[in-house]
Amino acid sequence: MIYAVVTEHVNAPADRVRALYEDPGGWARVFPATIHGARVVRREGDATVVEVDHVEGKVLNVLRDVSPTRIELAESKRRFDATFTNEFVPEAGGMRYTLTAAVRLKWPWRLIAPFVRPLVLGRMRRYVVAPLKAAAERELHGA
C-alpha cells in the first residue's frame, strides 16, 4: 500500500471548495487534464456512484460524504485501487485542503510500489490539488 498526503492553503471558503469537489457535473471543467466528463449513476445513502470519463477510459468512482469537512473518493483503475480522503478545513484567509491517498497497486505494478510514492505525490499535486485550488480561487475572484 502506498500512502501519500498533500496539503495546500486555498484562498476560498472551505464550503465552496468542497462544493466544487462534490459536483461531478463540473469535474471536466475543474480537472480538465484528466477528466473529459462525469455523471452521477446513482445515490445510496451517503454514497454517490459516478461514472467518470477519464483520459484512460470510463471508470466508476464512489464519493462518500464522511463529515462536513471530509469526503472520501474510492476509485478503481486498470493499474490500481485507491481511496482518496479530502479534507476541507476553514482557516484564516481561506481553508486548508488536505488530500490523503491510500493506493494499492495491482499485479504486476505492485512490484514497483516502493518506488512509486513520489509519482503518486506529484500526480496528486498536479492533477487534483492544483486544479481544485485554481478553480476555487478563480471563481472567488471572478476571473
N, C-alpha and C. Protein backbone atom coordinates (compact mmCIF):
# COMPACT_ATOMS: atom_id res chain seq x y z
N MET A 1 0.86 -1.18 0.00
CA MET A 1 0.00 0.00 0.00
C MET A 1 0.89 1.23 0.00
N ILE A 2 0.53 2.19 -0.82
CA ILE A 2 1.24 3.47 -0.88
C ILE A 2 0.36 4.51 -0.21
N TYR A 3 0.93 5.22 0.77
CA TYR A 3 0.22 6.30 1.44
C TYR A 3 0.90 7.61 1.08
N ALA A 4 0.11 8.62 0.77
CA ALA A 4 0.66 9.92 0.39
C ALA A 4 -0.29 11.01 0.84
N VAL A 5 0.27 12.17 1.25
CA VAL A 5 -0.52 13.28 1.73
C VAL A 5 -0.01 14.58 1.11
N VAL A 6 -0.93 15.39 0.59
CA VAL A 6 -0.61 16.71 0.07
C VAL A 6 -1.55 17.70 0.76
N THR A 7 -0.97 18.79 1.27
CA THR A 7 -1.75 19.83 1.94
C THR A 7 -1.47 21.16 1.27
N GLU A 8 -2.53 21.97 1.10
CA GLU A 8 -2.40 23.27 0.41
C GLU A 8 -3.40 24.26 1.00
N HIS A 9 -2.95 25.49 1.19
CA HIS A 9 -3.86 26.56 1.58
C HIS A 9 -4.59 27.04 0.32
N VAL A 10 -5.90 27.24 0.42
CA VAL A 10 -6.69 27.74 -0.70
C VAL A 10 -7.36 29.04 -0.25
N ASN A 11 -7.22 30.07 -1.06
CA ASN A 11 -7.81 31.37 -0.74
C ASN A 11 -9.26 31.42 -1.19
N ALA A 12 -10.07 30.57 -0.57
CA ALA A 12 -11.51 30.49 -0.85
C ALA A 12 -12.16 29.80 0.35
N PRO A 13 -13.46 30.03 0.56
CA PRO A 13 -14.15 29.39 1.69
C PRO A 13 -14.18 27.87 1.53
N ALA A 14 -14.02 27.17 2.64
CA ALA A 14 -14.00 25.71 2.64
C ALA A 14 -15.26 25.12 2.03
N ASP A 15 -16.43 25.69 2.33
CA ASP A 15 -17.67 25.13 1.80
C ASP A 15 -17.74 25.27 0.28
N ARG A 16 -17.14 26.31 -0.28
CA ARG A 16 -17.14 26.50 -1.73
C ARG A 16 -16.21 25.51 -2.41
N VAL A 17 -15.04 25.28 -1.82
CA VAL A 17 -14.08 24.32 -2.39
C VAL A 17 -14.68 22.92 -2.33
N ARG A 18 -15.30 22.61 -1.21
CA ARG A 18 -15.97 21.30 -1.07
C ARG A 18 -17.06 21.15 -2.12
N ALA A 19 -17.84 22.20 -2.34
CA ALA A 19 -18.92 22.14 -3.33
C ALA A 19 -18.38 21.86 -4.72
N LEU A 20 -17.25 22.46 -5.07
CA LEU A 20 -16.63 22.18 -6.38
C LEU A 20 -16.24 20.71 -6.48
N TYR A 21 -15.66 20.18 -5.41
CA TYR A 21 -15.19 18.80 -5.43
C TYR A 21 -16.34 17.80 -5.49
N GLU A 22 -17.44 18.09 -4.80
CA GLU A 22 -18.52 17.11 -4.74
C GLU A 22 -19.54 17.24 -5.87
N ASP A 23 -19.23 18.06 -6.88
CA ASP A 23 -20.13 18.25 -8.02
C ASP A 23 -19.54 17.58 -9.27
N PRO A 24 -19.86 16.31 -9.51
CA PRO A 24 -19.30 15.61 -10.67
C PRO A 24 -19.60 16.30 -12.00
N GLY A 25 -20.71 17.02 -12.09
CA GLY A 25 -21.03 17.73 -13.32
C GLY A 25 -20.00 18.77 -13.71
N GLY A 26 -19.25 19.26 -12.74
CA GLY A 26 -18.22 20.27 -13.01
C GLY A 26 -16.81 19.72 -13.08
N TRP A 27 -16.62 18.43 -12.89
CA TRP A 27 -15.27 17.86 -12.85
C TRP A 27 -14.48 18.07 -14.13
N ALA A 28 -15.11 18.00 -15.28
CA ALA A 28 -14.37 18.19 -16.53
C ALA A 28 -13.81 19.61 -16.62
N ARG A 29 -14.51 20.56 -16.02
CA ARG A 29 -14.04 21.95 -16.01
C ARG A 29 -12.95 22.15 -14.96
N VAL A 30 -13.10 21.52 -13.80
CA VAL A 30 -12.15 21.68 -12.70
C VAL A 30 -10.88 20.86 -12.93
N PHE A 31 -11.02 19.66 -13.48
CA PHE A 31 -9.90 18.74 -13.69
C PHE A 31 -9.73 18.38 -15.18
N PRO A 32 -9.54 19.36 -16.05
CA PRO A 32 -9.55 19.11 -17.50
C PRO A 32 -8.41 18.23 -18.01
N ALA A 33 -7.31 18.14 -17.30
CA ALA A 33 -6.18 17.34 -17.77
C ALA A 33 -6.45 15.84 -17.67
N THR A 34 -7.37 15.45 -16.80
CA THR A 34 -7.61 14.02 -16.60
C THR A 34 -9.05 13.57 -16.81
N ILE A 35 -10.00 14.51 -16.76
CA ILE A 35 -11.41 14.12 -16.84
C ILE A 35 -12.09 14.82 -18.02
N HIS A 36 -12.72 14.00 -18.87
CA HIS A 36 -13.47 14.54 -20.02
C HIS A 36 -14.93 14.78 -19.67
N GLY A 37 -15.44 14.03 -18.70
CA GLY A 37 -16.83 14.17 -18.30
C GLY A 37 -17.14 13.25 -17.14
N ALA A 38 -18.25 13.51 -16.45
CA ALA A 38 -18.66 12.66 -15.34
C ALA A 38 -20.16 12.79 -15.16
N ARG A 39 -20.77 11.68 -14.74
CA ARG A 39 -22.21 11.73 -14.49
C ARG A 39 -22.54 10.84 -13.30
N VAL A 40 -23.50 11.29 -12.51
CA VAL A 40 -23.95 10.51 -11.36
C VAL A 40 -24.78 9.34 -11.87
N VAL A 41 -24.40 8.14 -11.45
CA VAL A 41 -25.11 6.92 -11.84
C VAL A 41 -26.23 6.62 -10.84
N ARG A 42 -25.91 6.75 -9.55
CA ARG A 42 -26.92 6.52 -8.50
C ARG A 42 -26.41 7.07 -7.17
N ARG A 43 -27.35 7.25 -6.27
CA ARG A 43 -27.04 7.67 -4.90
C ARG A 43 -27.55 6.60 -3.96
N GLU A 44 -26.73 6.26 -2.98
CA GLU A 44 -27.09 5.23 -1.99
C GLU A 44 -26.69 5.74 -0.62
N GLY A 45 -27.63 6.31 0.12
CA GLY A 45 -27.32 6.87 1.44
C GLY A 45 -26.32 8.01 1.32
N ASP A 46 -25.18 7.87 2.00
CA ASP A 46 -24.16 8.92 1.95
C ASP A 46 -23.18 8.73 0.79
N ALA A 47 -23.43 7.77 -0.09
CA ALA A 47 -22.53 7.48 -1.22
C ALA A 47 -23.16 7.89 -2.54
N THR A 48 -22.31 8.42 -3.42
CA THR A 48 -22.72 8.77 -4.78
C THR A 48 -21.81 8.04 -5.74
N VAL A 49 -22.40 7.23 -6.63
CA VAL A 49 -21.62 6.50 -7.62
C VAL A 49 -21.58 7.34 -8.89
N VAL A 50 -20.35 7.59 -9.36
CA VAL A 50 -20.13 8.48 -10.50
C VAL A 50 -19.38 7.73 -11.60
N GLU A 51 -19.90 7.80 -12.83
CA GLU A 51 -19.17 7.27 -13.98
C GLU A 51 -18.30 8.41 -14.51
N VAL A 52 -17.00 8.18 -14.55
CA VAL A 52 -16.05 9.21 -14.96
C VAL A 52 -15.40 8.81 -16.27
N ASP A 53 -15.42 9.73 -17.22
CA ASP A 53 -14.74 9.53 -18.49
C ASP A 53 -13.34 10.12 -18.34
N HIS A 54 -12.40 9.27 -17.90
CA HIS A 54 -11.01 9.66 -17.70
C HIS A 54 -10.25 9.58 -19.02
N VAL A 55 -9.05 10.12 -19.04
CA VAL A 55 -8.23 10.02 -20.24
C VAL A 55 -7.94 8.57 -20.59
N GLU A 56 -7.94 7.68 -19.61
CA GLU A 56 -7.66 6.26 -19.89
C GLU A 56 -8.92 5.42 -20.05
N GLY A 57 -10.10 6.04 -20.07
CA GLY A 57 -11.34 5.31 -20.26
C GLY A 57 -12.33 5.58 -19.15
N LYS A 58 -13.46 4.89 -19.21
CA LYS A 58 -14.53 5.10 -18.22
C LYS A 58 -14.28 4.23 -16.99
N VAL A 59 -14.44 4.86 -15.83
CA VAL A 59 -14.31 4.15 -14.55
C VAL A 59 -15.40 4.64 -13.61
N LEU A 60 -15.70 3.81 -12.61
CA LEU A 60 -16.66 4.22 -11.58
C LEU A 60 -15.90 4.73 -10.36
N ASN A 61 -16.36 5.83 -9.84
CA ASN A 61 -15.85 6.39 -8.59
C ASN A 61 -17.01 6.38 -7.60
N VAL A 62 -16.68 6.24 -6.33
CA VAL A 62 -17.70 6.32 -5.29
C VAL A 62 -17.31 7.43 -4.33
N LEU A 63 -18.14 8.47 -4.28
CA LEU A 63 -17.95 9.58 -3.35
C LEU A 63 -18.74 9.26 -2.09
N ARG A 64 -18.10 9.43 -0.95
CA ARG A 64 -18.78 9.18 0.32
C ARG A 64 -18.64 10.42 1.20
N ASP A 65 -19.78 10.94 1.61
CA ASP A 65 -19.82 12.10 2.50
C ASP A 65 -19.56 11.59 3.92
N VAL A 66 -18.36 11.85 4.43
CA VAL A 66 -17.97 11.33 5.75
C VAL A 66 -18.35 12.28 6.86
N SER A 67 -18.14 13.59 6.64
CA SER A 67 -18.45 14.61 7.64
C SER A 67 -18.54 15.95 6.93
N PRO A 68 -18.90 17.02 7.63
CA PRO A 68 -18.96 18.34 6.98
C PRO A 68 -17.61 18.81 6.42
N THR A 69 -16.52 18.22 6.90
CA THR A 69 -15.20 18.64 6.41
C THR A 69 -14.46 17.55 5.64
N ARG A 70 -15.11 16.42 5.40
CA ARG A 70 -14.40 15.30 4.78
C ARG A 70 -15.26 14.55 3.76
N ILE A 71 -14.64 14.27 2.60
CA ILE A 71 -15.25 13.45 1.56
C ILE A 71 -14.22 12.39 1.16
N GLU A 72 -14.66 11.15 1.03
CA GLU A 72 -13.79 10.08 0.51
C GLU A 72 -14.20 9.75 -0.91
N LEU A 73 -13.22 9.45 -1.73
CA LEU A 73 -13.46 9.02 -3.09
C LEU A 73 -12.73 7.71 -3.30
N ALA A 74 -13.46 6.67 -3.66
CA ALA A 74 -12.86 5.37 -3.98
C ALA A 74 -12.85 5.23 -5.49
N GLU A 75 -11.72 4.77 -6.00
CA GLU A 75 -11.54 4.67 -7.45
C GLU A 75 -10.78 3.39 -7.76
N SER A 76 -11.22 2.72 -8.82
CA SER A 76 -10.53 1.52 -9.27
C SER A 76 -10.21 1.69 -10.74
N LYS A 77 -8.93 1.61 -11.06
CA LYS A 77 -8.47 1.72 -12.44
C LYS A 77 -7.70 0.46 -12.80
N ARG A 78 -7.23 0.42 -14.03
CA ARG A 78 -6.53 -0.76 -14.55
C ARG A 78 -5.31 -1.12 -13.70
N ARG A 79 -4.56 -0.11 -13.23
CA ARG A 79 -3.30 -0.36 -12.52
C ARG A 79 -3.41 -0.29 -11.00
N PHE A 80 -4.51 0.25 -10.46
CA PHE A 80 -4.59 0.42 -9.01
C PHE A 80 -6.03 0.55 -8.52
N ASP A 81 -6.17 0.34 -7.21
CA ASP A 81 -7.38 0.68 -6.45
C ASP A 81 -6.93 1.72 -5.44
N ALA A 82 -7.71 2.77 -5.25
CA ALA A 82 -7.29 3.83 -4.34
C ALA A 82 -8.48 4.42 -3.60
N THR A 83 -8.18 4.93 -2.42
CA THR A 83 -9.13 5.73 -1.66
C THR A 83 -8.45 7.06 -1.39
N PHE A 84 -9.14 8.13 -1.75
CA PHE A 84 -8.64 9.49 -1.54
C PHE A 84 -9.53 10.17 -0.51
N THR A 85 -8.93 10.61 0.58
CA THR A 85 -9.66 11.34 1.61
C THR A 85 -9.38 12.82 1.41
N ASN A 86 -10.44 13.59 1.25
CA ASN A 86 -10.36 15.03 1.01
C ASN A 86 -10.86 15.75 2.24
N GLU A 87 -10.02 16.60 2.82
CA GLU A 87 -10.41 17.37 3.99
C GLU A 87 -10.42 18.85 3.65
N PHE A 88 -11.51 19.52 4.05
CA PHE A 88 -11.74 20.94 3.76
C PHE A 88 -11.90 21.66 5.09
N VAL A 89 -10.81 22.22 5.61
CA VAL A 89 -10.81 22.81 6.95
C VAL A 89 -10.65 24.32 6.87
N PRO A 90 -11.64 25.07 7.38
CA PRO A 90 -11.52 26.53 7.37
C PRO A 90 -10.31 26.98 8.18
N GLU A 91 -9.64 28.02 7.69
CA GLU A 91 -8.56 28.66 8.43
C GLU A 91 -8.48 30.11 7.99
N ALA A 92 -7.68 30.90 8.65
CA ALA A 92 -7.56 32.33 8.34
C ALA A 92 -7.26 32.55 6.87
N GLY A 93 -8.04 33.39 6.24
CA GLY A 93 -7.80 33.73 4.85
C GLY A 93 -8.25 32.69 3.85
N GLY A 94 -9.03 31.71 4.26
CA GLY A 94 -9.49 30.69 3.33
C GLY A 94 -9.67 29.35 4.00
N MET A 95 -8.97 28.34 3.47
CA MET A 95 -9.11 27.00 4.03
C MET A 95 -7.87 26.17 3.74
N ARG A 96 -7.74 25.09 4.48
CA ARG A 96 -6.65 24.14 4.30
C ARG A 96 -7.25 22.90 3.65
N TYR A 97 -6.73 22.56 2.44
CA TYR A 97 -7.18 21.37 1.73
C TYR A 97 -6.12 20.30 1.90
N THR A 98 -6.52 19.16 2.41
CA THR A 98 -5.60 18.04 2.57
C THR A 98 -6.15 16.85 1.80
N LEU A 99 -5.32 16.32 0.92
CA LEU A 99 -5.67 15.15 0.13
C LEU A 99 -4.77 14.01 0.58
N THR A 100 -5.38 12.94 1.08
CA THR A 100 -4.65 11.76 1.55
C THR A 100 -5.02 10.59 0.65
N ALA A 101 -4.01 9.90 0.16
CA ALA A 101 -4.25 8.76 -0.73
C ALA A 101 -3.76 7.47 -0.10
N ALA A 102 -4.54 6.42 -0.28
CA ALA A 102 -4.14 5.05 0.04
C ALA A 102 -4.29 4.28 -1.27
N VAL A 103 -3.17 3.93 -1.88
CA VAL A 103 -3.18 3.33 -3.21
C VAL A 103 -2.64 1.91 -3.15
N ARG A 104 -3.42 0.98 -3.68
CA ARG A 104 -2.99 -0.42 -3.77
C ARG A 104 -2.77 -0.74 -5.25
N LEU A 105 -1.51 -0.92 -5.61
CA LEU A 105 -1.19 -1.26 -7.00
C LEU A 105 -1.61 -2.69 -7.29
N LYS A 106 -2.03 -2.92 -8.53
CA LYS A 106 -2.41 -4.26 -8.96
C LYS A 106 -1.18 -4.95 -9.57
N TRP A 107 -1.27 -6.23 -9.69
CA TRP A 107 -0.20 -7.03 -10.26
C TRP A 107 -0.07 -6.71 -11.74
N PRO A 108 1.09 -6.56 -12.33
CA PRO A 108 2.45 -6.68 -11.81
C PRO A 108 3.04 -5.37 -11.28
N TRP A 109 2.27 -4.28 -11.35
CA TRP A 109 2.78 -2.96 -10.92
C TRP A 109 3.11 -2.94 -9.43
N ARG A 110 2.54 -3.88 -8.69
CA ARG A 110 2.81 -3.96 -7.26
C ARG A 110 4.31 -4.12 -6.98
N LEU A 111 5.03 -4.72 -7.91
CA LEU A 111 6.47 -4.94 -7.74
C LEU A 111 7.25 -3.63 -7.61
N ILE A 112 6.74 -2.56 -8.21
CA ILE A 112 7.46 -1.29 -8.17
C ILE A 112 6.91 -0.33 -7.12
N ALA A 113 6.03 -0.80 -6.26
CA ALA A 113 5.38 0.05 -5.24
C ALA A 113 6.37 0.88 -4.43
N PRO A 114 7.51 0.32 -3.99
CA PRO A 114 8.42 1.13 -3.18
C PRO A 114 8.97 2.37 -3.90
N PHE A 115 8.91 2.38 -5.22
CA PHE A 115 9.46 3.48 -5.99
C PHE A 115 8.42 4.45 -6.52
N VAL A 116 7.14 4.17 -6.28
CA VAL A 116 6.05 4.91 -6.92
C VAL A 116 5.54 6.09 -6.08
N ARG A 117 5.80 6.11 -4.79
CA ARG A 117 5.26 7.16 -3.93
C ARG A 117 5.53 8.58 -4.44
N PRO A 118 6.77 8.92 -4.88
CA PRO A 118 6.99 10.27 -5.41
C PRO A 118 6.11 10.58 -6.63
N LEU A 119 5.86 9.60 -7.47
CA LEU A 119 5.00 9.77 -8.63
C LEU A 119 3.55 10.04 -8.18
N VAL A 120 3.09 9.28 -7.19
CA VAL A 120 1.74 9.47 -6.66
C VAL A 120 1.60 10.88 -6.10
N LEU A 121 2.56 11.32 -5.30
CA LEU A 121 2.52 12.67 -4.73
C LEU A 121 2.48 13.73 -5.83
N GLY A 122 3.31 13.58 -6.83
CA GLY A 122 3.34 14.54 -7.93
C GLY A 122 2.03 14.62 -8.68
N ARG A 123 1.44 13.48 -8.93
CA ARG A 123 0.15 13.45 -9.65
C ARG A 123 -0.98 14.01 -8.81
N MET A 124 -0.94 13.76 -7.51
CA MET A 124 -1.95 14.33 -6.62
C MET A 124 -1.89 15.86 -6.68
N ARG A 125 -0.66 16.40 -6.60
CA ARG A 125 -0.49 17.85 -6.66
C ARG A 125 -0.94 18.40 -8.01
N ARG A 126 -0.45 17.79 -9.08
CA ARG A 126 -0.67 18.31 -10.43
C ARG A 126 -2.10 18.14 -10.93
N TYR A 127 -2.70 17.00 -10.65
CA TYR A 127 -3.99 16.69 -11.26
C TYR A 127 -5.20 16.87 -10.35
N VAL A 128 -4.99 17.05 -9.04
CA VAL A 128 -6.13 17.24 -8.14
C VAL A 128 -6.00 18.54 -7.35
N VAL A 129 -4.95 18.66 -6.55
CA VAL A 129 -4.83 19.81 -5.64
C VAL A 129 -4.69 21.12 -6.40
N ALA A 130 -3.76 21.21 -7.32
CA ALA A 130 -3.55 22.47 -8.05
C ALA A 130 -4.77 22.89 -8.86
N PRO A 131 -5.41 22.00 -9.63
CA PRO A 131 -6.58 22.44 -10.38
C PRO A 131 -7.77 22.84 -9.50
N LEU A 132 -7.97 22.12 -8.38
CA LEU A 132 -9.07 22.47 -7.48
C LEU A 132 -8.82 23.83 -6.85
N LYS A 133 -7.59 24.07 -6.42
CA LYS A 133 -7.22 25.37 -5.85
C LYS A 133 -7.43 26.48 -6.88
N ALA A 134 -6.95 26.27 -8.09
CA ALA A 134 -7.07 27.28 -9.15
C ALA A 134 -8.54 27.57 -9.46
N ALA A 135 -9.36 26.53 -9.57
CA ALA A 135 -10.78 26.73 -9.88
C ALA A 135 -11.49 27.49 -8.76
N ALA A 136 -11.20 27.13 -7.52
CA ALA A 136 -11.86 27.79 -6.38
C ALA A 136 -11.45 29.25 -6.29
N GLU A 137 -10.17 29.53 -6.46
CA GLU A 137 -9.68 30.90 -6.36
C GLU A 137 -10.12 31.74 -7.55
N ARG A 138 -10.16 31.14 -8.72
CA ARG A 138 -10.61 31.84 -9.93
C ARG A 138 -12.08 32.22 -9.78
N GLU A 139 -12.88 31.28 -9.31
CA GLU A 139 -14.32 31.52 -9.13
C GLU A 139 -14.55 32.61 -8.07
N LEU A 140 -13.81 32.55 -6.98
CA LEU A 140 -13.98 33.52 -5.91
C LEU A 140 -13.64 34.92 -6.35
N HIS A 141 -12.59 35.07 -7.15
CA HIS A 141 -12.12 36.38 -7.56
C HIS A 141 -12.68 36.81 -8.91
N GLY A 142 -13.62 36.03 -9.44
CA GLY A 142 -14.33 36.40 -10.66
C GLY A 142 -13.51 36.42 -11.93
N ALA A 143 -12.41 35.69 -11.95
CA ALA A 143 -11.57 35.67 -13.16
C ALA A 143 -12.04 34.60 -14.12
